[in-house]
Amino acid sequence: MTALRAAAFAFGLLALTAGVLQIWAFVVTDGGRHLILGVFALAVGACVIAAAADAVRKNGRRNRR
């Protein structure tokens, strides 16, 4: 795994963590802004991790041929 892919996974995990914390803040404070930011951060984290996983999977296939 290259450093760029590792950084993508780290960023994705960071975004997921931020999303969970924003959702938690929404539950505690009932602020709508936290919900919007939380959903956005979760979506970004999921997309980045899916793209990084796809890149790792495609790279593995290429090396097997």
C-alpha atoms as a PDB file:
ATOM      1  CA  MET A   1       0.000   0.000   0.000  1.00  0.00           C
ATOM      2  CA  THR A   2       1.366   3.363  -0.964  1.00  0.00           C
ATOM      3  CA  ALA A   3       1.577   6.328   1.365  1.00  0.00           C
ATOM      4  CA  LEU A   4      -1.214   8.069  -0.554  1.00  0.00           C
ATOM      5  CA  ARG A   5      -3.608   5.165  -0.049  1.00  0.00           C
ATOM      6  CA  ALA A   6      -2.699   4.954   3.629  1.00  0.00           C
ATOM      7  CA  ALA A   7      -3.365   8.683   3.941  1.00  0.00           C
ATOM      8  CA  ALA A   8      -6.736   8.202   2.221  1.00  0.00           C
ATOM      9  CA  PHE A   9      -7.724   5.532   4.733  1.00  0.00           C
ATOM     10  CA  ALA A  10      -6.577   7.760   7.614  1.00  0.00           C
ATOM     11  CA  PHE A  11      -8.561  10.714   6.253  1.00  0.00           C
ATOM     12  CA  GLY A  12     -11.618   8.516   5.790  1.00  0.00           C
ATOM     13  CA  LEU A  13     -11.424   7.292   9.371  1.00  0.00           C
ATOM     14  CA  LEU A  14     -10.962  10.851  10.582  1.00  0.00           C
ATOM     15  CA  ALA A  15     -14.042  11.963   8.645  1.00  0.00           C
ATOM     16  CA  LEU A  16     -16.086   9.065  10.046  1.00  0.00           C
ATOM     17  CA  THR A  17     -14.975   9.967  13.559  1.00  0.00           C
ATOM     18  CA  ALA A  18     -15.888  13.604  13.013  1.00  0.00           C
ATOM     19  CA  GLY A  19     -19.288  12.537  11.684  1.00  0.00           C
ATOM     20  CA  VAL A  20     -20.010  10.377  14.707  1.00  0.00           C
ATOM     21  CA  LEU A  21     -18.990  13.196  17.043  1.00  0.00           C
ATOM     22  CA  GLN A  22     -21.236  15.660  15.188  1.00  0.00           C
ATOM     23  CA  ILE A  23     -24.184  13.253  15.403  1.00  0.00           C
ATOM     24  CA  TRP A  24     -23.471  12.830  19.116  1.00  0.00           C
ATOM     25  CA  ALA A  25     -23.415  16.624  19.536  1.00  0.00           C
ATOM     26  CA  PHE A  26     -26.777  16.795  17.747  1.00  0.00           C
ATOM     27  CA  VAL A  27     -28.275  14.273  20.145  1.00  0.00           C
ATOM     28  CA  VAL A  28     -26.912  16.109  23.190  1.00  0.00           C
ATOM     29  CA  THR A  29     -27.662  19.711  22.133  1.00  0.00           C
ATOM     30  CA  ASP A  30     -30.456  19.228  19.574  1.00  0.00           C
ATOM     31  CA  GLY A  31     -28.716  21.596  17.155  1.00  0.00           C
ATOM     32  CA  GLY A  32     -29.710  21.009  13.538  1.00  0.00           C
ATOM     33  CA  ARG A  33     -26.347  22.231  12.267  1.00  0.00           C
ATOM     34  CA  HIS A  34     -24.628  19.295  13.966  1.00  0.00           C
ATOM     35  CA  LEU A  35     -26.881  16.831  12.174  1.00  0.00           C
ATOM     36  CA  ILE A  36     -26.156  18.332   8.760  1.00  0.00           C
ATOM     37  CA  LEU A  37     -22.399  18.383   9.357  1.00  0.00           C
ATOM     38  CA  GLY A  38     -22.470  14.872  10.805  1.00  0.00           C
ATOM     39  CA  VAL A  39     -24.277  13.356   7.837  1.00  0.00           C
ATOM     40  CA  PHE A  40     -21.947  15.159   5.432  1.00  0.00           C
ATOM     41  CA  ALA A  41     -18.826  13.979   7.295  1.00  0.00           C
ATOM     42  CA  LEU A  42     -20.089  10.391   7.393  1.00  0.00           C
ATOM     43  CA  ALA A  43     -20.793  10.481   3.658  1.00  0.00           C
ATOM     44  CA  VAL A  44     -17.350  11.892   2.887  1.00  0.00           C
ATOM     45  CA  GLY A  45     -15.642   9.316   5.111  1.00  0.00           C
ATOM     46  CA  ALA A  46     -17.548   6.420   3.578  1.00  0.00           C
ATOM     47  CA  CYS A  47     -16.802   7.581   0.027  1.00  0.00           C
ATOM     48  CA  VAL A  48     -13.097   8.095   0.680  1.00  0.00           C
ATOM     49  CA  ILE A  49     -12.699   4.705   2.352  1.00  0.00           C
ATOM     50  CA  ALA A  50     -14.644   2.990  -0.454  1.00  0.00           C
ATOM     51  CA  ALA A  51     -12.475   4.661  -3.105  1.00  0.00           C
ATOM     52  CA  ALA A  52      -9.266   3.760  -1.283  1.00  0.00           C
ATOM     53  CA  ALA A  53     -10.392   0.159  -0.818  1.00  0.00           C
ATOM     54  CA  ASP A  54     -11.302  -0.051  -4.499  1.00  0.00           C
ATOM     55  CA  ALA A  55      -7.876   1.274  -5.463  1.00  0.00           C
ATOM     56  CA  VAL A  56      -6.163  -1.311  -3.254  1.00  0.00           C
ATOM     57  CA  ARG A  57      -8.342  -4.080  -4.697  1.00  0.00           C
ATOM     58  CA  LYS A  58      -7.671  -3.032  -8.295  1.00  0.00           C
ATOM     59  CA  ASN A  59      -3.945  -2.765  -7.633  1.00  0.00           C
ATOM     60  CA  GLY A  60      -3.954  -6.297  -6.206  1.00  0.00           C
ATOM     61  CA  ARG A  61      -5.639  -7.658  -9.317  1.00  0.00           C
ATOM     62  CA  ARG A  62      -3.173  -5.902 -11.585  1.00  0.00           C
ATOM     63  CA  ASN A  63      -0.210  -7.424  -9.740  1.00  0.00           C
ATOM     64  CA  ARG A  64      -1.604 -10.977  -9.943  1.00  0.00           C
ATOM     65  CA  ARG A  65      -1.706 -11.066 -13.738  1.00  0.00           C
END
